[in-house]
Amino acid sequence: MLGAVTLLLVYQLVGEVIALAFKLPVPGPVIGMLLLFLTLLARGSVPDGLRDTANSLLSHLSLLFVPAGTGVMVHLARVADEWAAICTALIGSTVLTIAVTALVMRALMSRKGLS
């Protein structure tokens, strides 16, 4: 597991170096993830150690929401001041997402002749 975590961190570091060296507007971890994906595609498979480590990390993914929840609690007064804009953005983006999903599904179904 230590080797797989090291591999993930090395890819993240390489992504950070590339992002900083070329002043790219893309975060380094995203570039590192893309490089890892391309490496795994070229290899044709995922090593068992990396697969197990990734599954272990994904099983604890909910822990990453703790800092966000803490941030909301720290800035609760600001959230209270801007609740109308936040609710409008949440409701609007939800409605827009549902509408776009429905349109894409309708287009794909008609393309397959299922409508």
PDB file of N, CA and C in Angstrom:
ATOM      1  N   MET A   1       0.822  -1.194   0.000  1.00  0.00           N
ATOM      2  CA  MET A   1       0.000   0.000   0.000  1.00  0.00           C
ATOM      3  C   MET A   1       0.866   1.258   0.000  1.00  0.00           C
ATOM      4  N   LEU A   2       1.977   1.207   0.705  1.00  0.00           N
ATOM      5  CA  LEU A   2       2.855   2.371   0.768  1.00  0.00           C
ATOM      6  C   LEU A   2       3.397   2.720  -0.618  1.00  0.00           C
ATOM      7  N   GLY A   3       3.740   1.701  -1.396  1.00  0.00           N
ATOM      8  CA  GLY A   3       4.235   1.947  -2.752  1.00  0.00           C
ATOM      9  C   GLY A   3       3.190   2.596  -3.632  1.00  0.00           C
ATOM     10  N   ALA A   4       1.931   2.179  -3.497  1.00  0.00           N
ATOM     11  CA  ALA A   4       0.856   2.750  -4.305  1.00  0.00           C
ATOM     12  C   ALA A   4       0.575   4.194  -3.906  1.00  0.00           C
ATOM     13  N   VAL A   5       0.575   4.473  -2.610  1.00  0.00           N
ATOM     14  CA  VAL A   5       0.373   5.851  -2.149  1.00  0.00           C
ATOM     15  C   VAL A   5       1.520   6.732  -2.634  1.00  0.00           C
ATOM     16  N   THR A   6       2.737   6.192  -2.576  1.00  0.00           N
ATOM     17  CA  THR A   6       3.897   6.945  -3.078  1.00  0.00           C
ATOM     18  C   THR A   6       3.742   7.231  -4.562  1.00  0.00           C
ATOM     19  N   LEU A   7       3.280   6.243  -5.314  1.00  0.00           N
ATOM     20  CA  LEU A   7       3.065   6.435  -6.754  1.00  0.00           C
ATOM     21  C   LEU A   7       2.039   7.533  -7.009  1.00  0.00           C
ATOM     22  N   LEU A   8       0.944   7.525  -6.260  1.00  0.00           N
ATOM     23  CA  LEU A   8      -0.077   8.563  -6.420  1.00  0.00           C
ATOM     24  C   LEU A   8       0.483   9.944  -6.093  1.00  0.00           C
ATOM     25  N   LEU A   9       1.270  10.033  -5.039  1.00  0.00           N
ATOM     26  CA  LEU A   9       1.857  11.321  -4.667  1.00  0.00           C
ATOM     27  C   LEU A   9       2.911  11.790  -5.667  1.00  0.00           C
ATOM     28  N   VAL A  10       3.643  10.851  -6.258  1.00  0.00           N
ATOM     29  CA  VAL A  10       4.631  11.220  -7.283  1.00  0.00           C
ATOM     30  C   VAL A  10       3.919  11.796  -8.507  1.00  0.00           C
ATOM     31  N   TYR A  11       2.828  11.154  -8.917  1.00  0.00           N
ATOM     32  CA  TYR A  11       2.073  11.691 -10.062  1.00  0.00           C
ATOM     33  C   TYR A  11       1.504  13.070  -9.736  1.00  0.00           C
ATOM     34  N   GLN A  12       1.038  13.264  -8.506  1.00  0.00           N
ATOM     35  CA  GLN A  12       0.548  14.578  -8.116  1.00  0.00           C
ATOM     36  C   GLN A  12       1.676  15.607  -8.148  1.00  0.00           C
ATOM     37  N   LEU A  13       2.845  15.226  -7.651  1.00  0.00           N
ATOM     38  CA  LEU A  13       3.993  16.131  -7.657  1.00  0.00           C
ATOM     39  C   LEU A  13       4.395  16.496  -9.082  1.00  0.00           C
ATOM     40  N   VAL A  14       4.439  15.511  -9.966  1.00  0.00           N
ATOM     41  CA  VAL A  14       4.791  15.775 -11.369  1.00  0.00           C
ATOM     42  C   VAL A  14       3.761  16.733 -11.980  1.00  0.00           C
ATOM     43  N   GLY A  15       2.486  16.512 -11.673  1.00  0.00           N
ATOM     44  CA  GLY A  15       1.447  17.409 -12.173  1.00  0.00           C
ATOM     45  C   GLY A  15       1.629  18.828 -11.659  1.00  0.00           C
ATOM     46  N   GLU A  16       1.971  18.962 -10.384  1.00  0.00           N
ATOM     47  CA  GLU A  16       2.212  20.297  -9.807  1.00  0.00           C
ATOM     48  C   GLU A  16       3.391  20.981 -10.480  1.00  0.00           C
ATOM     49  N   VAL A  17       4.455  20.233 -10.706  1.00  0.00           N
ATOM     50  CA  VAL A  17       5.644  20.798 -11.352  1.00  0.00           C
ATOM     51  C   VAL A  17       5.306  21.273 -12.759  1.00  0.00           C
ATOM     52  N   ILE A  18       4.569  20.460 -13.499  1.00  0.00           N
ATOM     53  CA  ILE A  18       4.184  20.839 -14.870  1.00  0.00           C
ATOM     54  C   ILE A  18       3.295  22.078 -14.843  1.00  0.00           C
ATOM     55  N   ALA A  19       2.311  22.107 -13.940  1.00  0.00           N
ATOM     56  CA  ALA A  19       1.401  23.257 -13.859  1.00  0.00           C
ATOM     57  C   ALA A  19       2.149  24.536 -13.512  1.00  0.00           C
ATOM     58  N   LEU A  20       3.105  24.443 -12.588  1.00  0.00           N
ATOM     59  CA  LEU A  20       3.864  25.635 -12.200  1.00  0.00           C
ATOM     60  C   LEU A  20       4.873  26.041 -13.270  1.00  0.00           C
ATOM     61  N   ALA A  21       5.527  25.056 -13.883  1.00  0.00           N
ATOM     62  CA  ALA A  21       6.559  25.363 -14.879  1.00  0.00           C
ATOM     63  C   ALA A  21       5.972  26.033 -16.117  1.00  0.00           C
ATOM     64  N   PHE A  22       4.798  25.579 -16.528  1.00  0.00           N
ATOM     65  CA  PHE A  22       4.192  26.124 -17.742  1.00  0.00           C
ATOM     66  C   PHE A  22       3.086  27.133 -17.448  1.00  0.00           C
ATOM     67  N   LYS A  23       2.910  27.463 -16.150  1.00  0.00           N
ATOM     68  CA  LYS A  23       1.895  28.435 -15.723  1.00  0.00           C
ATOM     69  C   LYS A  23       0.518  28.094 -16.301  1.00  0.00           C
ATOM     70  N   LEU A  24       0.143  26.825 -16.167  1.00  0.00           N
ATOM     71  CA  LEU A  24      -1.129  26.346 -16.701  1.00  0.00           C
ATOM     72  C   LEU A  24      -2.275  26.700 -15.747  1.00  0.00           C
ATOM     73  N   PRO A  25      -3.459  26.960 -16.299  1.00  0.00           N
ATOM     74  CA  PRO A  25      -4.603  27.282 -15.432  1.00  0.00           C
ATOM     75  C   PRO A  25      -5.287  26.035 -14.870  1.00  0.00           C
ATOM     76  N   VAL A  26      -4.662  24.883 -15.027  1.00  0.00           N
ATOM     77  CA  VAL A  26      -5.213  23.618 -14.549  1.00  0.00           C
ATOM     78  C   VAL A  26      -4.453  23.219 -13.287  1.00  0.00           C
ATOM     79  N   PRO A  27      -5.160  22.771 -12.250  1.00  0.00           N
ATOM     80  CA  PRO A  27      -4.466  22.363 -11.022  1.00  0.00           C
ATOM     81  C   PRO A  27      -3.522  21.187 -11.256  1.00  0.00           C
ATOM     82  N   GLY A  28      -2.424  21.170 -10.546  1.00  0.00           N
ATOM     83  CA  GLY A  28      -1.435  20.114 -10.674  1.00  0.00           C
ATOM     84  C   GLY A  28      -1.982  18.719 -10.437  1.00  0.00           C
ATOM     85  N   PRO A  29      -2.817  18.520  -9.403  1.00  0.00           N
ATOM     86  CA  PRO A  29      -3.362  17.181  -9.193  1.00  0.00           C
ATOM     87  C   PRO A  29      -4.188  16.667 -10.372  1.00  0.00           C
ATOM     88  N   VAL A  30      -4.854  17.570 -11.077  1.00  0.00           N
ATOM     89  CA  VAL A  30      -5.633  17.152 -12.255  1.00  0.00           C
ATOM     90  C   VAL A  30      -4.687  16.689 -13.361  1.00  0.00           C
ATOM     91  N   ILE A  31      -3.600  17.403 -13.544  1.00  0.00           N
ATOM     92  CA  ILE A  31      -2.611  17.001 -14.548  1.00  0.00           C
ATOM     93  C   ILE A  31      -1.989  15.671 -14.149  1.00  0.00           C
ATOM     94  N   GLY A  32      -1.672  15.513 -12.867  1.00  0.00           N
ATOM     95  CA  GLY A  32      -1.118  14.255 -12.383  1.00  0.00           C
ATOM     96  C   GLY A  32      -2.079  13.098 -12.594  1.00  0.00           C
ATOM     97  N   MET A  33      -3.366  13.337 -12.345  1.00  0.00           N
ATOM     98  CA  MET A  33      -4.371  12.293 -12.545  1.00  0.00           C
ATOM     99  C   MET A  33      -4.467  11.916 -14.018  1.00  0.00           C
ATOM    100  N   LEU A  34      -4.388  12.907 -14.902  1.00  0.00           N
ATOM    101  CA  LEU A  34      -4.404  12.632 -16.341  1.00  0.00           C
ATOM    102  C   LEU A  34      -3.180  11.815 -16.751  1.00  0.00           C
ATOM    103  N   LEU A  35      -2.031  12.171 -16.216  1.00  0.00           N
ATOM    104  CA  LEU A  35      -0.811  11.409 -16.527  1.00  0.00           C
ATOM    105  C   LEU A  35      -0.910   9.967 -16.009  1.00  0.00           C
ATOM    106  N   LEU A  36      -1.454   9.800 -14.817  1.00  0.00           N
ATOM    107  CA  LEU A  36      -1.649   8.450 -14.284  1.00  0.00           C
ATOM    108  C   LEU A  36      -2.611   7.663 -15.156  1.00  0.00           C
ATOM    109  N   PHE A  37      -3.693   8.298 -15.585  1.00  0.00           N
ATOM    110  CA  PHE A  37      -4.663   7.642 -16.463  1.00  0.00           C
ATOM    111  C   PHE A  37      -4.011   7.208 -17.773  1.00  0.00           C
ATOM    112  N   LEU A  38      -3.215   8.096 -18.367  1.00  0.00           N
ATOM    113  CA  LEU A  38      -2.535   7.749 -19.622  1.00  0.00           C
ATOM    114  C   LEU A  38      -1.538   6.611 -19.415  1.00  0.00           C
ATOM    115  N   THR A  39      -0.854   6.624 -18.279  1.00  0.00           N
ATOM    116  CA  THR A  39       0.084   5.546 -17.966  1.00  0.00           C
ATOM    117  C   THR A  39      -0.648   4.212 -17.835  1.00  0.00           C
ATOM    118  N   LEU A  40      -1.770   4.224 -17.140  1.00  0.00           N
ATOM    119  CA  LEU A  40      -2.538   2.989 -16.966  1.00  0.00           C
ATOM    120  C   LEU A  40      -3.135   2.512 -18.282  1.00  0.00           C
ATOM    121  N   LEU A  41      -3.529   3.455 -19.141  1.00  0.00           N
ATOM    122  CA  LEU A  41      -4.016   3.070 -20.475  1.00  0.00           C
ATOM    123  C   LEU A  41      -2.913   2.409 -21.284  1.00  0.00           C
ATOM    124  N   ALA A  42      -1.731   2.990 -21.252  1.00  0.00           N
ATOM    125  CA  ALA A  42      -0.604   2.417 -21.995  1.00  0.00           C
ATOM    126  C   ALA A  42      -0.212   1.056 -21.427  1.00  0.00           C
ATOM    127  N   ARG A  43      -0.311   0.913 -20.129  1.00  0.00           N
ATOM    128  CA  ARG A  43       0.045  -0.352 -19.471  1.00  0.00           C
ATOM    129  C   ARG A  43      -0.996  -1.432 -19.748  1.00  0.00           C
ATOM    130  N   GLY A  44      -2.253  -1.004 -19.877  1.00  0.00           N
ATOM    131  CA  GLY A  44      -3.322  -1.943 -20.184  1.00  0.00           C
ATOM    132  C   GLY A  44      -4.017  -2.529 -18.971  1.00  0.00           C
ATOM    133  N   SER A  45      -3.524  -2.259 -17.776  1.00  0.00           N
ATOM    134  CA  SER A  45      -4.174  -2.768 -16.573  1.00  0.00           C
ATOM    135  C   SER A  45      -3.752  -1.927 -15.376  1.00  0.00           C
ATOM    136  N   VAL A  46      -4.486  -2.150 -14.279  1.00  0.00           N
ATOM    137  CA  VAL A  46      -4.176  -1.461 -13.034  1.00  0.00           C
ATOM    138  C   VAL A  46      -3.525  -2.470 -12.100  1.00  0.00           C
ATOM    139  N   PRO A  47      -2.343  -2.155 -11.563  1.00  0.00           N
ATOM    140  CA  PRO A  47      -1.710  -3.082 -10.614  1.00  0.00           C
ATOM    141  C   PRO A  47      -2.613  -3.327  -9.398  1.00  0.00           C
ATOM    142  N   ASP A  48      -2.579  -4.535  -8.857  1.00  0.00           N
ATOM    143  CA  ASP A  48      -3.446  -4.888  -7.731  1.00  0.00           C
ATOM    144  C   ASP A  48      -3.234  -3.981  -6.528  1.00  0.00           C
ATOM    145  N   GLY A  49      -1.987  -3.637  -6.231  1.00  0.00           N
ATOM    146  CA  GLY A  49      -1.707  -2.763  -5.093  1.00  0.00           C
ATOM    147  C   GLY A  49      -2.330  -1.392  -5.257  1.00  0.00           C
ATOM    148  N   LEU A  50      -2.267  -0.855  -6.470  1.00  0.00           N
ATOM    149  CA  LEU A  50      -2.854   0.452  -6.744  1.00  0.00           C
ATOM    150  C   LEU A  50      -4.376   0.369  -6.676  1.00  0.00           C
ATOM    151  N   ARG A  51      -4.942  -0.711  -7.183  1.00  0.00           N
ATOM    152  CA  ARG A  51      -6.393  -0.894  -7.145  1.00  0.00           C
ATOM    153  C   ARG A  51      -6.880  -0.975  -5.692  1.00  0.00           C
ATOM    154  N   ASP A  52      -6.183  -1.754  -4.867  1.00  0.00           N
ATOM    155  CA  ASP A  52      -6.579  -1.885  -3.469  1.00  0.00           C
ATOM    156  C   ASP A  52      -6.456  -0.564  -2.722  1.00  0.00           C
ATOM    157  N   THR A  53      -5.384   0.155  -2.986  1.00  0.00           N
ATOM    158  CA  THR A  53      -5.180   1.449  -2.329  1.00  0.00           C
ATOM    159  C   THR A  53      -6.247   2.450  -2.753  1.00  0.00           C
ATOM    160  N   ALA A  54      -6.554   2.490  -4.037  1.00  0.00           N
ATOM    161  CA  ALA A  54      -7.584   3.408  -4.541  1.00  0.00           C
ATOM    162  C   ALA A  54      -8.939   3.082  -3.926  1.00  0.00           C
ATOM    163  N   ASN A  55      -9.278   1.804  -3.844  1.00  0.00           N
ATOM    164  CA  ASN A  55     -10.552   1.418  -3.236  1.00  0.00           C
ATOM    165  C   ASN A  55     -10.597   1.788  -1.762  1.00  0.00           C
ATOM    166  N   SER A  56      -9.472   1.635  -1.080  1.00  0.00           N
ATOM    167  CA  SER A  56      -9.405   2.007   0.331  1.00  0.00           C
ATOM    168  C   SER A  56      -9.592   3.516   0.502  1.00  0.00           C
ATOM    169  N   LEU A  57      -8.947   4.304  -0.349  1.00  0.00           N
ATOM    170  CA  LEU A  57      -9.104   5.761  -0.278  1.00  0.00           C
ATOM    171  C   LEU A  57     -10.535   6.171  -0.600  1.00  0.00           C
ATOM    172  N   LEU A  58     -11.135   5.543  -1.597  1.00  0.00           N
ATOM    173  CA  LEU A  58     -12.502   5.889  -1.978  1.00  0.00           C
ATOM    174  C   LEU A  58     -13.508   5.528  -0.888  1.00  0.00           C
ATOM    175  N   SER A  59     -13.226   4.481  -0.120  1.00  0.00           N
ATOM    176  CA  SER A  59     -14.151   4.106   0.944  1.00  0.00           C
ATOM    177  C   SER A  59     -14.175   5.146   2.066  1.00  0.00           C
ATOM    178  N   HIS A  60     -13.143   5.966   2.168  1.00  0.00           N
ATOM    179  CA  HIS A  60     -13.082   7.012   3.191  1.00  0.00           C
ATOM    180  C   HIS A  60     -13.231   8.407   2.590  1.00  0.00           C
ATOM    181  N   LEU A  61     -13.796   8.486   1.405  1.00  0.00           N
ATOM    182  CA  LEU A  61     -13.923   9.765   0.707  1.00  0.00           C
ATOM    183  C   LEU A  61     -14.802  10.758   1.459  1.00  0.00           C
ATOM    184  N   SER A  62     -15.759  10.264   2.217  1.00  0.00           N
ATOM    185  CA  SER A  62     -16.658  11.165   2.939  1.00  0.00           C
ATOM    186  C   SER A  62     -15.914  12.036   3.949  1.00  0.00           C
ATOM    187  N   LEU A  63     -14.749  11.600   4.389  1.00  0.00           N
ATOM    188  CA  LEU A  63     -13.968  12.410   5.335  1.00  0.00           C
ATOM    189  C   LEU A  63     -13.526  13.737   4.727  1.00  0.00           C
ATOM    190  N   LEU A  64     -13.459  13.800   3.392  1.00  0.00           N
ATOM    191  CA  LEU A  64     -13.043  15.042   2.744  1.00  0.00           C
ATOM    192  C   LEU A  64     -14.095  16.139   2.859  1.00  0.00           C
ATOM    193  N   PHE A  65     -15.317  15.771   3.255  1.00  0.00           N
ATOM    194  CA  PHE A  65     -16.356  16.783   3.418  1.00  0.00           C
ATOM    195  C   PHE A  65     -16.297  17.469   4.782  1.00  0.00           C
ATOM    196  N   VAL A  66     -15.514  16.945   5.706  1.00  0.00           N
ATOM    197  CA  VAL A  66     -15.400  17.549   7.029  1.00  0.00           C
ATOM    198  C   VAL A  66     -14.835  18.967   6.946  1.00  0.00           C
ATOM    199  N   PRO A  67     -13.742  19.219   6.193  1.00  0.00           N
ATOM    200  CA  PRO A  67     -13.251  20.605   6.107  1.00  0.00           C
ATOM    201  C   PRO A  67     -14.268  21.557   5.485  1.00  0.00           C
ATOM    202  N   ALA A  68     -15.021  21.091   4.499  1.00  0.00           N
ATOM    203  CA  ALA A  68     -16.033  21.958   3.887  1.00  0.00           C
ATOM    204  C   ALA A  68     -17.122  22.302   4.894  1.00  0.00           C
ATOM    205  N   GLY A  69     -17.555  21.317   5.668  1.00  0.00           N
ATOM    206  CA  GLY A  69     -18.561  21.576   6.698  1.00  0.00           C
ATOM    207  C   GLY A  69     -18.048  22.536   7.752  1.00  0.00           C
ATOM    208  N   THR A  70     -16.784  22.402   8.108  1.00  0.00           N
ATOM    209  CA  THR A  70     -16.174  23.315   9.071  1.00  0.00           C
ATOM    210  C   THR A  70     -16.134  24.730   8.511  1.00  0.00           C
ATOM    211  N   GLY A  71     -15.812  24.846   7.230  1.00  0.00           N
ATOM    212  CA  GLY A  71     -15.788  26.166   6.597  1.00  0.00           C
ATOM    213  C   GLY A  71     -17.148  26.830   6.593  1.00  0.00           C
ATOM    214  N   VAL A  72     -18.190  26.042   6.370  1.00  0.00           N
ATOM    215  CA  VAL A  72     -19.547  26.597   6.407  1.00  0.00           C
ATOM    216  C   VAL A  72     -19.869  27.086   7.813  1.00  0.00           C
ATOM    217  N   MET A  73     -19.479  26.315   8.819  1.00  0.00           N
ATOM    218  CA  MET A  73     -19.761  26.724  10.200  1.00  0.00           C
ATOM    219  C   MET A  73     -18.982  27.988  10.581  1.00  0.00           C
ATOM    220  N   VAL A  74     -17.767  28.117  10.087  1.00  0.00           N
ATOM    221  CA  VAL A  74     -16.961  29.293  10.399  1.00  0.00           C
ATOM    222  C   VAL A  74     -17.568  30.546   9.764  1.00  0.00           C
ATOM    223  N   HIS A  75     -18.120  30.382   8.574  1.00  0.00           N
ATOM    224  CA  HIS A  75     -18.682  31.521   7.841  1.00  0.00           C
ATOM    225  C   HIS A  75     -20.208  31.506   7.867  1.00  0.00           C
ATOM    226  N   LEU A  76     -20.784  31.001   8.939  1.00  0.00           N
ATOM    227  CA  LEU A  76     -22.234  30.886   9.034  1.00  0.00           C
ATOM    228  C   LEU A  76     -22.930  32.239   8.944  1.00  0.00           C
ATOM    229  N   ALA A  77     -22.329  33.271   9.490  1.00  0.00           N
ATOM    230  CA  ALA A  77     -22.936  34.606   9.417  1.00  0.00           C
ATOM    231  C   ALA A  77     -23.044  35.068   7.966  1.00  0.00           C
ATOM    232  N   ARG A  78     -22.020  34.782   7.182  1.00  0.00           N
ATOM    233  CA  ARG A  78     -22.061  35.170   5.763  1.00  0.00           C
ATOM    234  C   ARG A  78     -23.117  34.371   5.012  1.00  0.00           C
ATOM    235  N   VAL A  79     -23.208  33.079   5.333  1.00  0.00           N
ATOM    236  CA  VAL A  79     -24.246  32.249   4.713  1.00  0.00           C
ATOM    237  C   VAL A  79     -25.626  32.787   5.067  1.00  0.00           C
ATOM    238  N   ALA A  80     -25.802  33.207   6.314  1.00  0.00           N
ATOM    239  CA  ALA A  80     -27.088  33.767   6.743  1.00  0.00           C
ATOM    240  C   ALA A  80     -27.397  35.061   6.002  1.00  0.00           C
ATOM    241  N   ASP A  81     -26.384  35.874   5.731  1.00  0.00           N
ATOM    242  CA  ASP A  81     -26.593  37.129   5.007  1.00  0.00           C
ATOM    243  C   ASP A  81     -26.924  36.894   3.536  1.00  0.00           C
ATOM    244  N   GLU A  82     -26.404  35.827   2.960  1.00  0.00           N
ATOM    245  CA  GLU A  82     -26.559  35.602   1.521  1.00  0.00           C
ATOM    246  C   GLU A  82     -27.388  34.358   1.211  1.00  0.00           C
ATOM    247  N   TRP A  83     -28.323  34.005   2.104  1.00  0.00           N
ATOM    248  CA  TRP A  83     -29.095  32.789   1.944  1.00  0.00           C
ATOM    249  C   TRP A  83     -29.949  32.803   0.680  1.00  0.00           C
ATOM    250  N   ALA A  84     -30.484  33.960   0.308  1.00  0.00           N
ATOM    251  CA  ALA A  84     -31.359  34.019  -0.873  1.00  0.00           C
ATOM    252  C   ALA A  84     -30.582  33.698  -2.146  1.00  0.00           C
ATOM    253  N   ALA A  85     -29.390  34.265  -2.271  1.00  0.00           N
ATOM    254  CA  ALA A  85     -28.574  33.995  -3.458  1.00  0.00           C
ATOM    255  C   ALA A  85     -28.131  32.535  -3.497  1.00  0.00           C
ATOM    256  N   ILE A  86     -27.789  31.991  -2.326  1.00  0.00           N
ATOM    257  CA  ILE A  86     -27.356  30.589  -2.263  1.00  0.00           C
ATOM    258  C   ILE A  86     -28.501  29.664  -2.650  1.00  0.00           C
ATOM    259  N   CYS A  87     -29.686  29.911  -2.106  1.00  0.00           N
ATOM    260  CA  CYS A  87     -30.850  29.073  -2.439  1.00  0.00           C
ATOM    261  C   CYS A  87     -31.215  29.197  -3.914  1.00  0.00           C
ATOM    262  N   THR A  88     -31.163  30.404  -4.447  1.00  0.00           N
ATOM    263  CA  THR A  88     -31.460  30.601  -5.866  1.00  0.00           C
ATOM    264  C   THR A  88     -30.469  29.839  -6.733  1.00  0.00           C
ATOM    265  N   ALA A  89     -29.198  29.908  -6.395  1.00  0.00           N
ATOM    266  CA  ALA A  89     -28.179  29.195  -7.175  1.00  0.00           C
ATOM    267  C   ALA A  89     -28.368  27.684  -7.079  1.00  0.00           C
ATOM    268  N   LEU A  90     -28.670  27.180  -5.886  1.00  0.00           N
ATOM    269  CA  LEU A  90     -28.869  25.742  -5.715  1.00  0.00           C
ATOM    270  C   LEU A  90     -30.095  25.251  -6.486  1.00  0.00           C
ATOM    271  N   ILE A  91     -31.202  25.952  -6.349  1.00  0.00           N
ATOM    272  CA  ILE A  91     -32.425  25.538  -7.042  1.00  0.00           C
ATOM    273  C   ILE A  91     -32.267  25.692  -8.545  1.00  0.00           C
ATOM    274  N   GLY A  92     -31.707  26.810  -8.980  1.00  0.00           N
ATOM    275  CA  GLY A  92     -31.509  27.030 -10.415  1.00  0.00           C
ATOM    276  C   GLY A  92     -30.585  26.004 -11.041  1.00  0.00           C
ATOM    277  N   SER A  93     -29.486  25.700 -10.380  1.00  0.00           N
ATOM    278  CA  SER A  93     -28.555  24.723 -10.952  1.00  0.00           C
ATOM    279  C   SER A  93     -29.152  23.321 -10.954  1.00  0.00           C
ATOM    280  N   THR A  94     -29.963  22.999  -9.951  1.00  0.00           N
ATOM    281  CA  THR A  94     -30.626  21.689  -9.922  1.00  0.00           C
ATOM    282  C   THR A  94     -31.618  21.568 -11.065  1.00  0.00           C
ATOM    283  N   VAL A  95     -32.447  22.588 -11.257  1.00  0.00           N
ATOM    284  CA  VAL A  95     -33.428  22.568 -12.348  1.00  0.00           C
ATOM    285  C   VAL A  95     -32.718  22.502 -13.699  1.00  0.00           C
ATOM    286  N   LEU A  96     -31.667  23.277 -13.869  1.00  0.00           N
ATOM    287  CA  LEU A  96     -30.919  23.265 -15.122  1.00  0.00           C
ATOM    288  C   LEU A  96     -30.285  21.893 -15.376  1.00  0.00           C
ATOM    289  N   THR A  97     -29.734  21.283 -14.349  1.00  0.00           N
ATOM    290  CA  THR A  97     -29.128  19.959 -14.493  1.00  0.00           C
ATOM    291  C   THR A  97     -30.166  18.918 -14.896  1.00  0.00           C
ATOM    292  N   ILE A  98     -31.327  18.953 -14.261  1.00  0.00           N
ATOM    293  CA  ILE A  98     -32.392  18.003 -14.600  1.00  0.00           C
ATOM    294  C   ILE A  98     -32.852  18.221 -16.038  1.00  0.00           C
ATOM    295  N   ALA A  99     -33.010  19.483 -16.461  1.00  0.00           N
ATOM    296  CA  ALA A  99     -33.458  19.767 -17.822  1.00  0.00           C
ATOM    297  C   ALA A  99     -32.441  19.305 -18.857  1.00  0.00           C
ATOM    298  N   VAL A 100     -31.168  19.588 -18.624  1.00  0.00           N
ATOM    299  CA  VAL A 100     -30.133  19.172 -19.576  1.00  0.00           C
ATOM    300  C   VAL A 100     -30.051  17.648 -19.636  1.00  0.00           C
ATOM    301  N   THR A 101     -30.151  17.001 -18.494  1.00  0.00           N
ATOM    302  CA  THR A 101     -30.117  15.534 -18.466  1.00  0.00           C
ATOM    303  C   THR A 101     -31.289  14.950 -19.242  1.00  0.00           C
ATOM    304  N   ALA A 102     -32.467  15.525 -19.068  1.00  0.00           N
ATOM    305  CA  ALA A 102     -33.648  15.043 -19.801  1.00  0.00           C
ATOM    306  C   ALA A 102     -33.483  15.244 -21.300  1.00  0.00           C
ATOM    307  N   LEU A 103     -32.963  16.381 -21.702  1.00  0.00           N
ATOM    308  CA  LEU A 103     -32.762  16.646 -23.139  1.00  0.00           C
ATOM    309  C   LEU A 103     -31.731  15.698 -23.741  1.00  0.00           C
ATOM    310  N   VAL A 104     -30.651  15.452 -23.020  1.00  0.00           N
ATOM    311  CA  VAL A 104     -29.634  14.525 -23.511  1.00  0.00           C
ATOM    312  C   VAL A 104     -30.209  13.117 -23.605  1.00  0.00           C
ATOM    313  N   MET A 105     -30.980  12.702 -22.593  1.00  0.00           N
ATOM    314  CA  MET A 105     -31.582  11.375 -22.618  1.00  0.00           C
ATOM    315  C   MET A 105     -32.564  11.242 -23.783  1.00  0.00           C
ATOM    316  N   ARG A 106     -33.373  12.267 -24.010  1.00  0.00           N
ATOM    317  CA  ARG A 106     -34.323  12.244 -25.131  1.00  0.00           C
ATOM    318  C   ARG A 106     -33.579  12.138 -26.453  1.00  0.00           C
ATOM    319  N   ALA A 107     -32.496  12.904 -26.599  1.00  0.00           N
ATOM    320  CA  ALA A 107     -31.718  12.867 -27.846  1.00  0.00           C
ATOM    321  C   ALA A 107     -31.086  11.484 -28.062  1.00  0.00           C
ATOM    322  N   LEU A 108     -30.549  10.904 -27.007  1.00  0.00           N
ATOM    323  CA  LEU A 108     -29.929   9.585 -27.133  1.00  0.00           C
ATOM    324  C   LEU A 108     -30.960   8.498 -27.398  1.00  0.00           C
ATOM    325  N   MET A 109     -32.137   8.614 -26.786  1.00  0.00           N
ATOM    326  CA  MET A 109     -33.183   7.623 -27.019  1.00  0.00           C
ATOM    327  C   MET A 109     -33.720   7.694 -28.442  1.00  0.00           C
ATOM    328  N   SER A 110     -33.886   8.915 -28.953  1.00  0.00           N
ATOM    329  CA  SER A 110     -34.357   9.035 -30.341  1.00  0.00           C
ATOM    330  C   SER A 110     -33.297   8.564 -31.332  1.00  0.00           C
ATOM    331  N   ARG A 111     -32.053   8.727 -30.962  1.00  0.00           N
ATOM    332  CA  ARG A 111     -30.958   8.264 -31.810  1.00  0.00           C
ATOM    333  C   ARG A 111     -30.949   6.740 -31.914  1.00  0.00           C
ATOM    334  N   LYS A 112     -31.318   6.064 -30.805  1.00  0.00           N
ATOM    335  CA  LYS A 112     -31.370   4.612 -30.776  1.00  0.00           C
ATOM    336  C   LYS A 112     -32.717   4.077 -31.266  1.00  0.00           C
ATOM    337  N   GLY A 113     -33.676   4.980 -31.513  1.00  0.00           N
ATOM    338  CA  GLY A 113     -34.990   4.567 -31.966  1.00  0.00           C
ATOM    339  C   GLY A 113     -35.875   4.060 -30.839  1.00  0.00           C
ATOM    340  N   LEU A 114     -35.632   4.509 -29.621  1.00  0.00           N
ATOM    341  CA  LEU A 114     -36.398   4.049 -28.462  1.00  0.00           C
ATOM    342  C   LEU A 114     -37.530   4.988 -28.079  1.00  0.00           C
ATOM    343  N   SER A 115     -37.652   6.108 -28.741  1.00  0.00           N
ATOM    344  CA  SER A 115     -38.700   7.066 -28.350  1.00  0.00           C
ATOM    345  C   SER A 115     -39.958   6.677 -28.982  1.00  0.00           C
TER     346      SER A 115
END
